[in-house]
């Protein structure tokens, strides 16, 4: 019984820690998707093109954030 309680407490603590880290990251990516439509990359044909697309969108988002 004591082991079950400790296991539940450890699982709850781990879940809280993961949620604390995950939520701000989810918010950042949600904001990035909303502001730049970064997921629309259907015309990208290469890895280099994809990297240019992604980093260009991130740069645009930061410019939007500053101004």
Protein backbone atom coordinates (compact mmCIF):
# COMPACT_ATOMS: atom_id res chain seq x y z
CA UNK A 1 0.00 0.00 0.00
CA UNK A 2 2.79 2.43 0.89
CA UNK A 3 4.63 1.58 -2.32
CA UNK A 4 1.48 2.31 -4.37
CA UNK A 5 1.09 5.69 -2.67
CA UNK A 6 4.72 6.60 -3.30
CA UNK A 7 4.44 5.46 -6.92
CA UNK A 8 1.32 7.59 -7.42
CA UNK A 9 3.01 10.59 -5.78
CA UNK A 10 6.07 10.17 -8.01
CA UNK A 11 3.89 9.88 -11.12
CA UNK A 12 1.91 12.98 -10.14
CA UNK A 13 5.10 14.95 -9.52
CA UNK A 14 6.56 13.85 -12.86
CA UNK A 15 3.34 14.75 -14.68
CA UNK A 16 3.34 18.21 -13.10
CA UNK A 17 6.97 18.78 -14.05
CA UNK A 18 6.36 17.73 -17.66
CA UNK A 19 3.27 19.96 -17.92
CA UNK A 20 5.19 22.92 -16.51
CA UNK A 21 7.81 22.58 -19.24
CA UNK A 22 5.46 21.60 -22.08
CA UNK A 23 2.88 24.39 -21.81
CA UNK A 24 5.17 27.37 -22.61
CA UNK A 25 6.69 25.46 -25.52
CA UNK A 26 3.22 24.66 -26.89
CA UNK A 27 2.25 28.31 -26.53
CA UNK A 28 5.36 29.44 -28.43
CA UNK A 29 4.70 27.08 -31.33
CA UNK A 30 1.00 27.95 -31.40
CA UNK A 31 1.92 31.65 -31.61
CA UNK A 32 4.47 30.91 -34.36
CA UNK A 33 1.91 28.95 -36.39
CA UNK A 34 -0.71 31.68 -35.94
CA UNK A 35 1.57 34.55 -36.96
CA UNK A 36 3.51 32.96 -39.83
CA UNK A 37 1.52 29.99 -41.17
CA UNK A 38 4.78 28.05 -40.94
CA UNK A 39 3.08 24.72 -41.63
CA UNK A 40 2.30 25.67 -45.22
CA UNK A 41 5.40 24.41 -47.04
CA UNK A 42 3.89 22.29 -49.79
CA UNK A 43 6.09 23.80 -52.53
CA UNK A 44 9.36 23.03 -50.74
CA UNK A 45 11.35 20.45 -52.73
CA UNK A 46 14.59 19.98 -50.79
CA UNK A 47 16.05 19.98 -47.31
CA UNK A 48 17.81 23.26 -48.03
CA UNK A 49 14.53 24.77 -49.22
CA UNK A 50 12.78 23.56 -46.08
CA UNK A 51 15.44 25.08 -43.85
CA UNK A 52 15.18 28.40 -45.70
CA UNK A 53 11.39 28.28 -45.34
CA UNK A 54 11.47 27.49 -41.62
CA UNK A 55 14.18 29.96 -40.64
CA UNK A 56 12.64 32.66 -42.84
CA UNK A 57 9.30 32.21 -41.11
CA UNK A 58 10.95 32.28 -37.68
CA UNK A 59 12.82 35.48 -38.63
CA UNK A 60 9.55 37.04 -39.81
CA UNK A 61 7.89 36.10 -36.52
CA UNK A 62 10.66 37.75 -34.50
CA UNK A 63 10.47 40.88 -36.66
CA UNK A 64 6.70 40.90 -36.06
CA UNK A 65 7.35 40.53 -32.33
CA UNK A 66 9.81 43.44 -32.21
CA UNK A 67 7.76 45.86 -34.31
